[in-house]
Amino acid sequence: MTEGAETRAESDISTKYWLFRVAPDVVKPYLLLARVDRPIGTWLLLLPCWWGAALAGGDAIQLVYFALLFAIGAFAMRGAGCVWNDILDRDYDAKVARTAMRPIANGTIGVPAAAVFMACLSGIGLCVLLQCNQFAIVIALSSMVLVALYPLMKRITYWPQAWLGLTFNWGALVGWAAVAGSL
């Protein structure tokens, strides 16, 4: 096996996801960058939001409304978080077989284009967030500190997953605040 084939075999990139079969070639690197092929991150961000909203009560129509909003927001913001992570970790990712084929690490997408994509995803998240009450907006925006610092936690602790867990589960507070208007 050649060196390039070994890298692809060990890579965390998979193009077997159905969306890669139908997406235009120009879009595929961005789908990989947002980890669309691995929806577990979206679920990990979304479920705490749903749990928080459900536990806060509210009527059925309100809960369905927030469930849909949070689904859109979780998809967009998980993608934005992946882009942020890949921008900060690009030099490390290029040296690790599992991550070397990620679009920023391998040069398929440059940092400026990735930043624009991240801004677009964040804009979608902001549009969703602006549908919530002011208190929920403040709670959600405060999570951006956690998101911004996660890639750096990998450099200072052996437990970056604990930080990531806190970041993902912050959505429970957002869900509750969106429905109840307080904590």
C-alpha atoms as a PDB file:
ATOM      1  CA  MET A   1       0.000   0.000   0.000  1.00  0.00           C
ATOM      2  CA  THR A   2       1.317   3.450  -0.828  1.00  0.00           C
ATOM      3  CA  GLU A   3       1.789   6.149   1.784  1.00  0.00           C
ATOM      4  CA  GLY A   4      -1.227   8.119   0.485  1.00  0.00           C
ATOM      5  CA  ALA A   5      -3.426   5.021   0.582  1.00  0.00           C
ATOM      6  CA  GLU A   6      -2.400   4.351   4.177  1.00  0.00           C
ATOM      7  CA  THR A   7      -3.364   7.893   5.106  1.00  0.00           C
ATOM      8  CA  ARG A   8      -6.777   7.512   3.485  1.00  0.00           C
ATOM      9  CA  ALA A   9      -7.307   4.121   5.143  1.00  0.00           C
ATOM     10  CA  GLU A  10      -6.552   5.583   8.580  1.00  0.00           C
ATOM     11  CA  SER A  11      -8.387   8.866   7.957  1.00  0.00           C
ATOM     12  CA  ASP A  12     -11.591   9.831   9.740  1.00  0.00           C
ATOM     13  CA  ILE A  13     -12.943  11.136   6.405  1.00  0.00           C
ATOM     14  CA  SER A  14     -15.562   8.996   4.695  1.00  0.00           C
ATOM     15  CA  THR A  15     -17.168   9.894   1.389  1.00  0.00           C
ATOM     16  CA  LYS A  16     -19.607   6.964   1.460  1.00  0.00           C
ATOM     17  CA  TYR A  17     -22.330   9.113   3.048  1.00  0.00           C
ATOM     18  CA  TRP A  18     -25.319   9.442   0.678  1.00  0.00           C
ATOM     19  CA  LEU A  19     -24.990  13.219   0.410  1.00  0.00           C
ATOM     20  CA  PHE A  20     -21.536  12.913  -1.165  1.00  0.00           C
ATOM     21  CA  ARG A  21     -23.013  10.915  -4.040  1.00  0.00           C
ATOM     22  CA  VAL A  22     -25.426  13.715  -4.994  1.00  0.00           C
ATOM     23  CA  ALA A  23     -23.586  16.901  -3.973  1.00  0.00           C
ATOM     24  CA  PRO A  24     -21.687  18.942  -6.566  1.00  0.00           C
ATOM     25  CA  ASP A  25     -17.910  18.498  -6.355  1.00  0.00           C
ATOM     26  CA  VAL A  26     -17.378  22.114  -5.287  1.00  0.00           C
ATOM     27  CA  VAL A  27     -19.594  21.547  -2.208  1.00  0.00           C
ATOM     28  CA  LYS A  28     -18.104  18.233  -1.054  1.00  0.00           C
ATOM     29  CA  PRO A  29     -15.080  19.671   0.813  1.00  0.00           C
ATOM     30  CA  TYR A  30     -17.415  21.937   2.788  1.00  0.00           C
ATOM     31  CA  LEU A  31     -19.637  18.993   3.696  1.00  0.00           C
ATOM     32  CA  LEU A  32     -16.523  17.220   4.954  1.00  0.00           C
ATOM     33  CA  LEU A  33     -15.410  20.318   6.840  1.00  0.00           C
ATOM     34  CA  ALA A  34     -18.774  20.523   8.644  1.00  0.00           C
ATOM     35  CA  ARG A  35     -18.650  16.745   9.324  1.00  0.00           C
ATOM     36  CA  VAL A  36     -22.041  16.241   7.674  1.00  0.00           C
ATOM     37  CA  ASP A  37     -21.118  12.572   7.229  1.00  0.00           C
ATOM     38  CA  ARG A  38     -21.075  12.145  11.018  1.00  0.00           C
ATOM     39  CA  PRO A  39     -24.323  13.453  12.513  1.00  0.00           C
ATOM     40  CA  ILE A  40     -23.493  12.305  16.055  1.00  0.00           C
ATOM     41  CA  GLY A  41     -22.080  15.737  16.901  1.00  0.00           C
ATOM     42  CA  THR A  42     -25.319  17.403  15.847  1.00  0.00           C
ATOM     43  CA  TRP A  43     -27.291  14.964  18.005  1.00  0.00           C
ATOM     44  CA  LEU A  44     -24.989  15.587  20.970  1.00  0.00           C
ATOM     45  CA  LEU A  45     -25.623  19.311  20.634  1.00  0.00           C
ATOM     46  CA  LEU A  46     -29.337  18.995  19.874  1.00  0.00           C
ATOM     47  CA  LEU A  47     -30.546  16.524  22.497  1.00  0.00           C
ATOM     48  CA  PRO A  48     -29.657  18.655  25.552  1.00  0.00           C
ATOM     49  CA  CYS A  49     -31.521  21.577  23.953  1.00  0.00           C
ATOM     50  CA  TRP A  50     -34.585  19.383  23.506  1.00  0.00           C
ATOM     51  CA  TRP A  51     -34.312  17.997  27.033  1.00  0.00           C
ATOM     52  CA  GLY A  52     -34.034  21.462  28.557  1.00  0.00           C
ATOM     53  CA  ALA A  53     -37.027  22.729  26.588  1.00  0.00           C
ATOM     54  CA  ALA A  54     -39.128  19.676  27.445  1.00  0.00           C
ATOM     55  CA  LEU A  55     -38.290  19.880  31.146  1.00  0.00           C
ATOM     56  CA  ALA A  56     -39.195  23.577  31.225  1.00  0.00           C
ATOM     57  CA  GLY A  57     -42.738  22.738  30.138  1.00  0.00           C
ATOM     58  CA  GLY A  58     -44.664  24.919  27.761  1.00  0.00           C
ATOM     59  CA  ASP A  59     -47.431  23.984  25.390  1.00  0.00           C
ATOM     60  CA  ALA A  60     -47.027  21.457  22.599  1.00  0.00           C
ATOM     61  CA  ILE A  61     -46.934  24.029  19.803  1.00  0.00           C
ATOM     62  CA  GLN A  62     -44.195  25.994  21.570  1.00  0.00           C
ATOM     63  CA  LEU A  63     -42.148  22.825  22.132  1.00  0.00           C
ATOM     64  CA  VAL A  64     -42.455  21.732  18.494  1.00  0.00           C
ATOM     65  CA  TYR A  65     -41.456  25.232  17.390  1.00  0.00           C
ATOM     66  CA  PHE A  66     -38.343  25.189  19.555  1.00  0.00           C
ATOM     67  CA  ALA A  67     -37.566  21.595  18.582  1.00  0.00           C
ATOM     68  CA  LEU A  68     -37.412  22.619  14.923  1.00  0.00           C
ATOM     69  CA  LEU A  69     -35.423  25.770  15.650  1.00  0.00           C
ATOM     70  CA  PHE A  70     -32.938  23.884  17.805  1.00  0.00           C
ATOM     71  CA  ALA A  71     -32.508  21.213  15.098  1.00  0.00           C
ATOM     72  CA  ILE A  72     -31.553  23.851  12.531  1.00  0.00           C
ATOM     73  CA  GLY A  73     -29.351  25.665  15.034  1.00  0.00           C
ATOM     74  CA  ALA A  74     -27.587  22.509  16.214  1.00  0.00           C
ATOM     75  CA  PHE A  75     -26.792  21.441  12.657  1.00  0.00           C
ATOM     76  CA  ALA A  76     -25.394  24.868  11.772  1.00  0.00           C
ATOM     77  CA  MET A  77     -23.484  25.484  14.995  1.00  0.00           C
ATOM     78  CA  ARG A  78     -21.987  22.001  15.157  1.00  0.00           C
ATOM     79  CA  GLY A  79     -20.668  22.606  11.642  1.00  0.00           C
ATOM     80  CA  ALA A  80     -19.326  26.026  12.643  1.00  0.00           C
ATOM     81  CA  GLY A  81     -17.619  24.463  15.660  1.00  0.00           C
ATOM     82  CA  CYS A  82     -15.960  21.851  13.452  1.00  0.00           C
ATOM     83  CA  VAL A  83     -14.687  24.561  11.124  1.00  0.00           C
ATOM     84  CA  TRP A  84     -13.303  26.562  14.074  1.00  0.00           C
ATOM     85  CA  ASN A  85     -11.607  23.437  15.422  1.00  0.00           C
ATOM     86  CA  ASP A  86     -10.062  22.647  12.045  1.00  0.00           C
ATOM     87  CA  ILE A  87      -8.823  26.206  11.545  1.00  0.00           C
ATOM     88  CA  LEU A  88      -7.019  26.204  14.889  1.00  0.00           C
ATOM     89  CA  ASP A  89      -5.767  22.617  14.580  1.00  0.00           C
ATOM     90  CA  ARG A  90      -4.753  22.697  10.901  1.00  0.00           C
ATOM     91  CA  ASP A  91      -1.026  22.307  11.551  1.00  0.00           C
ATOM     92  CA  TYR A  92      -1.585  19.426  13.983  1.00  0.00           C
ATOM     93  CA  ASP A  93      -4.201  17.780  11.755  1.00  0.00           C
ATOM     94  CA  ALA A  94      -1.805  17.742   8.802  1.00  0.00           C
ATOM     95  CA  LYS A  95       0.639  15.590  10.812  1.00  0.00           C
ATOM     96  CA  VAL A  96      -1.851  13.008  12.117  1.00  0.00           C
ATOM     97  CA  ALA A  97      -3.010  10.187   9.828  1.00  0.00           C
ATOM     98  CA  ARG A  98      -6.589  10.255  11.155  1.00  0.00           C
ATOM     99  CA  THR A  99      -7.014  13.975  10.428  1.00  0.00           C
ATOM    100  CA  ALA A 100      -4.543  14.624   7.590  1.00  0.00           C
ATOM    101  CA  MET A 101      -7.239  14.396   4.912  1.00  0.00           C
ATOM    102  CA  ARG A 102      -9.466  17.053   6.492  1.00  0.00           C
ATOM    103  CA  PRO A 103     -10.048  19.832   3.938  1.00  0.00           C
ATOM    104  CA  ILE A 104      -8.103  22.601   5.699  1.00  0.00           C
ATOM    105  CA  ALA A 105      -5.241  20.323   6.751  1.00  0.00           C
ATOM    106  CA  ASN A 106      -4.760  18.994   3.220  1.00  0.00           C
ATOM    107  CA  GLY A 107      -5.165  22.396   1.553  1.00  0.00           C
ATOM    108  CA  THR A 108      -8.432  21.703  -0.277  1.00  0.00           C
ATOM    109  CA  ILE A 109     -10.009  24.652   1.539  1.00  0.00           C
ATOM    110  CA  GLY A 110      -7.968  27.668   2.603  1.00  0.00           C
ATOM    111  CA  VAL A 111      -8.402  29.375   5.956  1.00  0.00           C
ATOM    112  CA  PRO A 112     -10.118  32.472   4.455  1.00  0.00           C
ATOM    113  CA  ALA A 113     -12.727  30.332   2.655  1.00  0.00           C
ATOM    114  CA  ALA A 114     -13.222  28.245   5.794  1.00  0.00           C
ATOM    115  CA  ALA A 115     -13.724  31.417   7.843  1.00  0.00           C
ATOM    116  CA  VAL A 116     -16.394  32.625   5.397  1.00  0.00           C
ATOM    117  CA  PHE A 117     -18.115  29.228   5.604  1.00  0.00           C
ATOM    118  CA  MET A 118     -17.957  29.366   9.403  1.00  0.00           C
ATOM    119  CA  ALA A 119     -19.466  32.863   9.334  1.00  0.00           C
ATOM    120  CA  CYS A 120     -22.315  31.625   7.123  1.00  0.00           C
ATOM    121  CA  LEU A 121     -23.046  28.713   9.460  1.00  0.00           C
ATOM    122  CA  SER A 122     -22.832  31.054  12.453  1.00  0.00           C
ATOM    123  CA  GLY A 123     -25.229  33.436  10.710  1.00  0.00           C
ATOM    124  CA  ILE A 124     -27.764  30.633  10.397  1.00  0.00           C
ATOM    125  CA  GLY A 125     -27.281  29.895  14.086  1.00  0.00           C
ATOM    126  CA  LEU A 126     -27.769  33.569  14.924  1.00  0.00           C
ATOM    127  CA  CYS A 127     -30.992  33.714  12.892  1.00  0.00           C
ATOM    128  CA  VAL A 128     -32.279  30.765  14.915  1.00  0.00           C
ATOM    129  CA  LEU A 129     -31.122  32.299  18.180  1.00  0.00           C
ATOM    130  CA  LEU A 130     -32.869  35.598  17.481  1.00  0.00           C
ATOM    131  CA  GLN A 131     -36.185  33.725  17.572  1.00  0.00           C
ATOM    132  CA  CYS A 132     -35.638  33.129  21.297  1.00  0.00           C
ATOM    133  CA  ASN A 133     -36.193  35.436  24.245  1.00  0.00           C
ATOM    134  CA  GLN A 134     -33.450  37.787  25.388  1.00  0.00           C
ATOM    135  CA  PHE A 135     -32.438  35.640  28.350  1.00  0.00           C
ATOM    136  CA  ALA A 136     -31.975  32.552  26.164  1.00  0.00           C
ATOM    137  CA  ILE A 137     -29.923  34.633  23.730  1.00  0.00           C
ATOM    138  CA  VAL A 138     -27.560  35.691  26.528  1.00  0.00           C
ATOM    139  CA  ILE A 139     -27.241  32.095  27.782  1.00  0.00           C
ATOM    140  CA  ALA A 140     -26.525  30.816  24.261  1.00  0.00           C
ATOM    141  CA  LEU A 141     -24.015  33.540  23.443  1.00  0.00           C
ATOM    142  CA  SER A 142     -22.139  32.805  26.663  1.00  0.00           C
ATOM    143  CA  SER A 143     -21.484  29.298  25.341  1.00  0.00           C
ATOM    144  CA  MET A 144     -19.331  30.795  22.592  1.00  0.00           C
ATOM    145  CA  VAL A 145     -16.503  31.115  25.117  1.00  0.00           C
ATOM    146  CA  LEU A 146     -16.648  27.343  25.642  1.00  0.00           C
ATOM    147  CA  VAL A 147     -16.759  26.696  21.896  1.00  0.00           C
ATOM    148  CA  ALA A 148     -13.872  29.062  21.182  1.00  0.00           C
ATOM    149  CA  LEU A 149     -11.654  27.520  23.849  1.00  0.00           C
ATOM    150  CA  TYR A 150     -12.298  23.826  23.100  1.00  0.00           C
ATOM    151  CA  PRO A 151      -9.537  23.406  20.476  1.00  0.00           C
ATOM    152  CA  LEU A 152      -7.084  25.026  22.883  1.00  0.00           C
ATOM    153  CA  MET A 153      -8.039  22.626  25.693  1.00  0.00           C
ATOM    154  CA  LYS A 154      -6.400  19.839  23.690  1.00  0.00           C
ATOM    155  CA  ARG A 155      -3.116  21.668  24.216  1.00  0.00           C
ATOM    156  CA  ILE A 156      -3.367  22.155  27.989  1.00  0.00           C
ATOM    157  CA  THR A 157      -5.216  19.130  29.383  1.00  0.00           C
ATOM    158  CA  TYR A 158      -5.488  15.389  28.876  1.00  0.00           C
ATOM    159  CA  TRP A 159      -9.274  15.754  29.322  1.00  0.00           C
ATOM    160  CA  PRO A 160     -10.467  18.028  26.507  1.00  0.00           C
ATOM    161  CA  GLN A 161     -13.533  15.802  26.180  1.00  0.00           C
ATOM    162  CA  ALA A 162     -14.749  17.043  29.577  1.00  0.00           C
ATOM    163  CA  TRP A 163     -14.663  20.603  28.224  1.00  0.00           C
ATOM    164  CA  LEU A 164     -16.427  19.451  25.063  1.00  0.00           C
ATOM    165  CA  GLY A 165     -19.060  17.689  27.169  1.00  0.00           C
ATOM    166  CA  LEU A 166     -19.757  20.900  29.062  1.00  0.00           C
ATOM    167  CA  THR A 167     -19.942  22.750  25.755  1.00  0.00           C
ATOM    168  CA  PHE A 168     -22.402  20.299  24.210  1.00  0.00           C
ATOM    169  CA  ASN A 169     -24.593  20.140  27.299  1.00  0.00           C
ATOM    170  CA  TRP A 170     -24.852  23.919  27.633  1.00  0.00           C
ATOM    171  CA  GLY A 171     -27.807  23.491  25.291  1.00  0.00           C
ATOM    172  CA  ALA A 172     -29.896  22.199  28.206  1.00  0.00           C
ATOM    173  CA  LEU A 173     -29.669  25.673  29.743  1.00  0.00           C
ATOM    174  CA  VAL A 174     -30.528  27.285  26.415  1.00  0.00           C
ATOM    175  CA  GLY A 175     -33.537  25.011  25.902  1.00  0.00           C
ATOM    176  CA  TRP A 176     -34.864  25.698  29.385  1.00  0.00           C
ATOM    177  CA  ALA A 177     -34.287  29.453  29.066  1.00  0.00           C
ATOM    178  CA  ALA A 178     -35.984  29.578  25.659  1.00  0.00           C
ATOM    179  CA  VAL A 179     -39.182  28.072  27.073  1.00  0.00           C
ATOM    180  CA  ALA A 180     -39.176  29.388  30.656  1.00  0.00           C
ATOM    181  CA  GLY A 181     -37.482  32.752  30.145  1.00  0.00           C
ATOM    182  CA  SER A 182     -35.260  32.152  33.181  1.00  0.00           C
ATOM    183  CA  LEU A 183     -33.174  29.478  34.861  1.00  0.00           C
END
